[in-house]
Amino acid sequence: MRKPKILITHWVHEEIIEYLSEYGEVVTNQTRQSMKKGRLWAEIENAVAIMAFMPDSIDKEFLSHCNKLKIVGAALKGYDNFDVDACTTKGVWFSIVPNHLTTPTAELAVGHLIAIGRNMQAGDRLIRNGHFPGWRPVLYGRGLAGSTIGILGMGEVGRAIAKLLMSFSCSCLYYDTCKLEKSREQELNAYSSSLEDIYRKSDFIVVALPLNPDTIHVIDIQALDKCKKGVYIVNVGRGSSVDEKAVAQGLEKGQLAGYAADVFEFEDWARTGRPQAIPAELTDRLDTTFLTPHLGSAVESVRKNIAMEAAVNIVEALQGKRPHGAINSI
């Protein structure tokens, strides 16, 4: 009897393939690029499980071609690019991996804060262009010590960022619809504030928000006009929480001193009217932007752990159990 098909759309460690092979015939993508659409659509018809990743898009049309699918085991935390309601209607579990991405994303956020505040991108170019004569510093920026940092979004990532920032002798304000308990605020040295106060007081603003209708373009031209002149903004949440065109204008006017991002509007596949690329006004501005290609969870051991947990969710579904990472009910 032929084993059920388990489809993995992106490259994973051999250990994950071996684990899943005990429960089905594993068809996997052997490259770190997205599976070609033609092959993907050819493989999904008889798959009982799919391990999906952020570049994938699973919607009603996709699911209409899945005749045997029991679970989408997503190797990710933020699932705004996926139609979970369509999975539920189809009777398909949708599971996520909520925990492993927090620490590496927080680490990257702090790295971005330092990189953009201390002119590391511009300094690197100065050296490579042969324009640094030695000794005398020529690029003056802003350090974290003594600064006020506003964090938009105090979920797991926001709290992890605040915890790391405790080592830098800075003051932290945060905005979230759910406030922390006072004891937790004191523990993290981060205190609830209004958006208006964060815009007005912050030297740095870190965006760590999930994407939903209320968080699209939280940072727009009106918000930037309320910010302290010379503010630095870092986005490690979702690209569409920031209006990238507005940021480019803010940099041009000097309202913003710098912008760093690991996420971009064009990545938010499910958003109607999203841009199709990062604006040239940002990518061309080399000295006041620091842009990285979604490196938040790009740590080898972390990616392995994420894929393994997604695999465990798949096995649980195939055994007739509710996957521990399921976010829907069927």
Protein backbone atom coordinates (compact mmCIF):
# COMPACT_ATOMS: atom_id res chain seq x y z
CA MET A 1 0.00 0.00 0.00
CA ARG A 2 1.40 3.39 -1.00
CA LYS A 3 2.23 5.77 1.82
CA PRO A 4 0.35 9.09 2.03
CA LYS A 5 2.16 12.04 0.49
CA ILE A 6 3.68 14.73 2.71
CA LEU A 7 4.79 17.80 0.75
CA ILE A 8 7.52 20.15 2.02
CA THR A 9 7.64 23.30 -0.10
CA HIS A 10 11.11 24.52 0.93
CA TRP A 11 14.46 23.02 1.86
CA VAL A 12 14.70 21.48 5.34
CA HIS A 13 17.34 19.48 7.20
CA GLU A 14 17.57 15.79 6.42
CA GLU A 15 16.61 15.01 10.01
CA ILE A 16 13.12 16.45 9.44
CA ILE A 17 12.69 14.44 6.24
CA GLU A 18 13.75 11.24 8.02
CA TYR A 19 11.30 11.93 10.84
CA LEU A 20 8.36 12.48 8.51
CA SER A 21 9.31 9.52 6.31
CA GLU A 22 8.04 7.20 9.03
CA TYR A 23 4.55 8.57 8.43
CA GLY A 24 4.41 9.07 4.68
CA GLU A 25 6.15 9.54 1.37
CA VAL A 26 7.98 12.84 1.70
CA VAL A 27 8.20 15.03 -1.38
CA THR A 28 10.48 17.97 -0.73
CA ASN A 29 12.07 20.94 -2.38
CA GLN A 30 15.84 20.46 -2.40
CA THR A 31 16.67 24.14 -2.84
CA ARG A 32 16.30 27.18 -0.60
CA GLN A 33 14.17 28.87 -3.25
CA SER A 34 10.39 28.61 -3.44
CA MET A 35 9.07 25.51 -5.18
CA LYS A 36 8.23 26.31 -8.80
CA LYS A 37 4.49 26.91 -9.16
CA GLY A 38 4.05 24.25 -11.84
CA ARG A 39 5.58 21.55 -9.68
CA LEU A 40 3.79 22.76 -6.57
CA TRP A 41 0.38 22.51 -8.21
CA ALA A 42 1.24 19.09 -9.62
CA GLU A 43 2.18 17.78 -6.16
CA ILE A 44 -0.64 19.14 -4.00
CA GLU A 45 -3.51 17.09 -5.44
CA ASN A 46 -2.81 13.94 -3.44
CA ALA A 47 -0.90 15.41 -0.51
CA VAL A 48 -2.32 14.69 2.95
CA ALA A 49 -0.02 17.23 4.60
CA ILE A 50 1.90 20.31 3.49
CA MET A 51 4.73 21.98 5.38
CA ALA A 52 4.42 25.60 4.26
CA PHE A 53 6.71 28.61 4.63
CA MET A 54 6.33 32.40 4.46
CA PRO A 55 6.81 32.75 0.69
CA ASP A 56 3.90 30.34 0.12
CA SER A 57 0.32 31.43 -0.47
CA ILE A 58 -2.52 29.12 0.52
CA ASP A 59 -6.00 30.34 -0.31
CA LYS A 60 -9.34 29.03 -1.60
CA GLU A 61 -8.03 28.45 -5.11
CA PHE A 62 -5.04 26.51 -3.81
CA LEU A 63 -7.19 24.40 -1.49
CA SER A 64 -9.65 23.58 -4.28
CA HIS A 65 -6.92 21.41 -5.80
CA CYS A 66 -6.22 19.57 -2.53
CA ASN A 67 -8.38 16.46 -2.43
CA LYS A 68 -6.81 14.65 0.52
CA LEU A 69 -5.26 17.43 2.57
CA LYS A 70 -5.55 17.11 6.36
CA ILE A 71 -3.10 19.75 7.60
CA VAL A 72 -1.05 22.74 6.60
CA GLY A 73 1.83 22.59 9.05
CA ALA A 74 3.20 26.11 8.70
CA ALA A 75 6.84 26.64 9.68
CA LEU A 76 6.23 30.22 10.80
CA LYS A 77 4.62 32.42 13.44
CA GLY A 78 2.85 35.23 11.57
CA TYR A 79 0.18 33.73 9.32
CA ASP A 80 -1.40 36.82 7.75
CA ASN A 81 -0.44 35.60 4.25
CA PHE A 82 -2.59 32.48 4.65
CA ASP A 83 -6.35 32.04 4.45
CA VAL A 84 -6.98 30.15 7.68
CA ASP A 85 -10.76 30.49 7.31
CA ALA A 86 -10.56 28.72 3.95
CA CYS A 87 -8.61 25.90 5.60
CA THR A 88 -11.27 25.60 8.29
CA THR A 89 -14.07 25.49 5.71
CA LYS A 90 -12.16 22.77 3.87
CA GLY A 91 -11.73 20.78 7.09
CA VAL A 92 -7.97 21.27 7.10
CA TRP A 93 -5.92 21.95 10.22
CA PHE A 94 -3.67 25.02 10.12
CA SER A 95 -0.84 25.02 12.63
CA ILE A 96 1.94 27.49 13.40
CA VAL A 97 5.18 27.57 15.38
CA PRO A 98 4.90 30.52 17.76
CA ASN A 99 7.99 30.33 19.95
CA HIS A 100 11.30 29.80 18.17
CA LEU A 101 11.40 33.08 16.21
CA THR A 102 11.21 35.43 19.19
CA THR A 103 14.83 35.60 20.36
CA PRO A 104 16.54 35.84 16.95
CA THR A 105 14.09 38.52 15.83
CA ALA A 106 14.73 40.55 18.98
CA GLU A 107 18.47 40.19 18.50
CA LEU A 108 18.17 41.48 14.95
CA ALA A 109 16.07 44.44 16.11
CA VAL A 110 18.78 45.53 18.53
CA GLY A 111 21.36 45.05 15.80
CA HIS A 112 19.33 47.32 13.53
CA LEU A 113 19.02 49.95 16.24
CA ILE A 114 22.79 50.06 16.67
CA ALA A 115 23.52 49.85 12.95
CA ILE A 116 21.25 52.73 11.95
CA GLY A 117 22.00 54.91 14.98
CA ARG A 118 25.77 54.55 14.69
CA ASN A 119 25.97 54.95 10.90
CA MET A 120 27.42 51.50 10.30
CA GLN A 121 26.21 51.27 6.71
CA ALA A 122 27.63 54.67 5.85
CA GLY A 123 30.84 53.87 7.71
CA ASP A 124 31.32 50.63 5.82
CA ARG A 125 30.93 52.49 2.50
CA LEU A 126 33.38 55.17 3.62
CA ILE A 127 36.05 52.55 4.30
CA ARG A 128 35.43 50.64 1.07
CA ASN A 129 35.50 53.84 -0.99
CA GLY A 130 38.96 54.66 0.39
CA HIS A 131 37.86 57.95 1.96
CA PHE A 132 38.81 57.26 5.59
CA PRO A 133 42.21 58.78 6.45
CA GLY A 134 42.41 57.09 9.84
CA TRP A 135 41.76 57.93 13.47
CA ARG A 136 39.46 60.93 13.26
CA PRO A 137 35.78 59.90 13.30
CA VAL A 138 33.70 61.64 10.67
CA LEU A 139 30.26 60.08 11.09
CA TYR A 140 28.47 61.13 14.26
CA GLY A 141 25.28 59.30 15.17
CA ARG A 142 23.26 58.40 18.22
CA GLY A 143 23.87 55.59 20.71
CA LEU A 144 21.26 53.70 22.68
CA ALA A 145 22.56 54.78 26.10
CA GLY A 146 20.54 57.72 27.36
CA SER A 147 18.02 57.42 24.54
CA THR A 148 14.27 56.88 24.72
CA ILE A 149 13.10 53.91 22.70
CA GLY A 150 9.45 53.40 21.81
CA ILE A 151 8.29 49.86 21.04
CA LEU A 152 5.08 49.44 19.04
CA GLY A 153 3.71 46.01 19.89
CA MET A 154 4.45 44.32 23.22
CA GLY A 155 3.88 40.70 22.30
CA GLU A 156 6.61 38.11 22.70
CA VAL A 157 8.97 39.87 20.29
CA GLY A 158 8.37 43.30 21.82
CA ARG A 159 9.01 41.96 25.31
CA ALA A 160 12.18 40.19 24.15
CA ILE A 161 13.44 43.44 22.60
CA ALA A 162 12.74 45.33 25.84
CA LYS A 163 14.60 42.69 27.83
CA LEU A 164 17.69 42.96 25.62
CA LEU A 165 17.59 46.77 25.80
CA MET A 166 17.88 46.67 29.58
CA SER A 167 21.64 46.31 29.08
CA PHE A 168 21.91 49.62 27.23
CA SER A 169 20.91 52.18 29.87
CA CYS A 170 18.02 53.51 27.80
CA SER A 171 14.41 54.32 28.63
CA CYS A 172 11.67 52.20 27.04
CA LEU A 173 8.08 53.16 26.32
CA TYR A 174 5.66 50.80 24.61
CA TYR A 175 2.28 50.90 22.95
CA ASP A 176 -0.03 47.89 22.83
CA THR A 177 -3.76 47.37 23.16
CA CYS A 178 -2.98 44.89 25.94
CA LYS A 179 -0.97 46.45 28.75
CA LEU A 180 1.51 44.49 30.82
CA GLU A 181 1.04 44.14 34.55
CA LYS A 182 2.91 46.78 36.54
CA SER A 183 5.31 44.20 37.96
CA ARG A 184 6.15 43.02 34.43
CA GLU A 185 6.70 46.61 33.28
CA GLN A 186 9.12 47.16 36.14
CA GLU A 187 10.88 43.88 35.38
CA LEU A 188 11.44 44.96 31.76
CA ASN A 189 11.90 48.67 32.53
CA ALA A 190 9.31 49.39 29.83
CA TYR A 191 6.20 51.44 30.48
CA SER A 192 2.90 51.78 28.67
CA SER A 193 2.38 54.98 26.75
CA SER A 194 0.10 56.46 24.12
CA LEU A 195 1.10 56.50 20.47
CA GLU A 196 1.19 60.28 20.62
CA ASP A 197 3.70 60.25 23.49
CA ILE A 198 5.86 57.62 21.80
CA TYR A 199 5.99 59.70 18.63
CA ARG A 200 6.77 62.85 20.60
CA LYS A 201 9.37 61.47 23.01
CA SER A 202 11.21 58.65 21.25
CA ASP A 203 14.69 58.89 19.79
CA PHE A 204 14.19 55.41 18.29
CA ILE A 205 10.94 53.63 17.42
CA VAL A 206 10.83 49.85 16.94
CA VAL A 207 7.83 48.40 15.11
CA ALA A 208 7.08 44.86 16.32
CA LEU A 209 3.41 44.61 15.39
CA PRO A 210 1.45 41.78 13.78
CA LEU A 211 -0.39 42.67 10.58
CA ASN A 212 -4.12 43.28 10.81
CA PRO A 213 -6.49 46.04 9.64
CA ASP A 214 -5.63 48.16 12.68
CA THR A 215 -1.85 48.03 12.17
CA ILE A 216 -1.58 48.82 8.46
CA HIS A 217 0.44 52.04 8.08
CA VAL A 218 0.60 52.80 11.79
CA ILE A 219 3.68 54.72 10.72
CA ASP A 220 2.43 57.05 7.98
CA ILE A 221 3.09 60.65 7.01
CA GLN A 222 0.83 61.97 9.78
CA ALA A 223 2.61 59.85 12.40
CA LEU A 224 6.01 60.97 11.15
CA ASP A 225 4.99 64.61 11.41
CA LYS A 226 4.26 64.01 15.10
CA CYS A 227 7.64 62.40 15.75
CA LYS A 228 10.61 64.07 17.32
CA LYS A 229 12.79 65.47 14.54
CA GLY A 230 15.72 63.15 13.87
CA VAL A 231 14.01 59.97 15.05
CA TYR A 232 15.26 56.57 13.90
CA ILE A 233 12.71 53.88 12.99
CA VAL A 234 13.29 50.11 12.89
CA ASN A 235 10.71 47.65 11.54
CA VAL A 236 10.98 43.95 12.38
CA GLY A 237 7.23 43.22 12.57
CA ARG A 238 5.40 43.34 9.26
CA GLY A 239 6.28 45.52 6.30
CA SER A 240 2.82 47.02 5.87
CA SER A 241 2.80 48.48 9.37
CA VAL A 242 4.98 51.17 7.84
CA ASP A 243 4.16 53.33 4.82
CA GLU A 244 7.47 53.05 2.99
CA LYS A 245 6.74 55.99 0.69
CA ALA A 246 6.09 58.16 3.75
CA VAL A 247 9.36 57.00 5.30
CA ALA A 248 11.22 57.96 2.13
CA GLN A 249 9.63 61.43 2.33
CA GLY A 250 10.55 61.68 6.02
CA LEU A 251 14.17 60.87 5.25
CA GLU A 252 14.21 63.39 2.40
CA LYS A 253 12.88 66.15 4.66
CA GLY A 254 15.21 65.25 7.52
CA GLN A 255 12.33 64.44 9.87
CA LEU A 256 13.80 60.94 10.12
CA ALA A 257 17.50 60.44 10.76
CA GLY A 258 17.38 56.84 9.58
CA TYR A 259 15.25 53.81 8.77
CA ALA A 260 16.14 50.14 9.21
CA ALA A 261 13.92 47.23 8.21
CA ASP A 262 13.92 43.47 7.92
CA VAL A 263 10.36 43.33 6.54
CA PHE A 264 8.75 45.11 3.60
CA GLU A 265 5.31 45.95 2.25
CA PHE A 266 5.68 43.89 -0.92
CA GLU A 267 6.03 40.71 1.16
CA ASP A 268 2.47 40.91 2.47
CA TRP A 269 0.93 38.77 -0.29
CA ALA A 270 -2.60 38.84 1.11
CA ARG A 271 -2.84 42.64 1.26
CA THR A 272 -4.86 44.15 -1.57
CA GLY A 273 -2.98 46.90 -3.37
CA ARG A 274 0.39 46.10 -1.84
CA PRO A 275 3.49 47.53 -3.56
CA GLN A 276 5.28 45.11 -5.87
CA ALA A 277 8.78 46.11 -4.75
CA ILE A 278 10.67 48.11 -2.16
CA PRO A 279 10.58 51.78 -3.25
CA ALA A 280 13.73 52.93 -4.97
CA GLU A 281 13.56 56.01 -2.74
CA LEU A 282 14.54 53.69 0.12
CA THR A 283 16.97 51.33 -1.59
CA ASP A 284 18.86 54.23 -3.22
CA ARG A 285 19.31 56.06 0.09
CA LEU A 286 22.38 54.17 1.27
CA ASP A 287 23.57 56.37 4.11
CA THR A 288 20.32 56.65 6.06
CA THR A 289 18.78 53.21 5.54
CA PHE A 290 19.83 49.75 6.67
CA LEU A 291 17.80 47.01 4.95
CA THR A 292 18.10 43.25 5.48
CA PRO A 293 16.34 40.41 3.61
CA HIS A 294 14.00 39.01 6.28
CA LEU A 295 16.83 37.74 8.48
CA GLY A 296 14.75 37.71 11.68
CA SER A 297 14.70 33.93 11.98
CA ALA A 298 17.62 33.21 9.64
CA VAL A 299 19.64 31.28 12.18
CA GLU A 300 20.44 27.72 11.12
CA SER A 301 19.58 26.04 14.42
CA VAL A 302 16.41 28.13 14.78
CA ARG A 303 15.14 27.23 11.30
CA LYS A 304 15.78 23.56 12.03
CA ASN A 305 13.80 23.74 15.27
CA ILE A 306 10.94 25.57 13.56
CA ALA A 307 10.70 22.94 10.81
CA MET A 308 10.85 20.10 13.34
CA GLU A 309 7.99 21.56 15.36
CA ALA A 310 5.97 22.01 12.15
CA ALA A 311 6.70 18.35 11.40
CA VAL A 312 5.43 17.30 14.84
CA ASN A 313 2.19 19.20 14.16
CA ILE A 314 1.84 17.28 10.89
CA VAL A 315 2.37 13.92 12.58
CA GLU A 316 -0.17 14.72 15.28
CA ALA A 317 -2.78 15.51 12.62
CA LEU A 318 -2.02 12.34 10.69
CA GLN A 319 -2.49 10.38 13.93
CA GLY A 320 -5.97 11.85 14.31
CA LYS A 321 -5.00 14.27 17.08
CA ARG A 322 -5.43 18.02 17.32
CA PRO A 323 -2.02 19.49 16.41
CA HIS A 324 -0.59 21.33 19.39
CA GLY A 325 0.12 24.38 17.20
CA ALA A 326 -3.32 24.48 15.57
CA ILE A 327 -4.97 27.90 15.43
CA ASN A 328 -8.28 26.69 13.98
CA SER A 329 -10.88 24.07 14.82
CA ILE A 330 -12.32 21.58 12.37
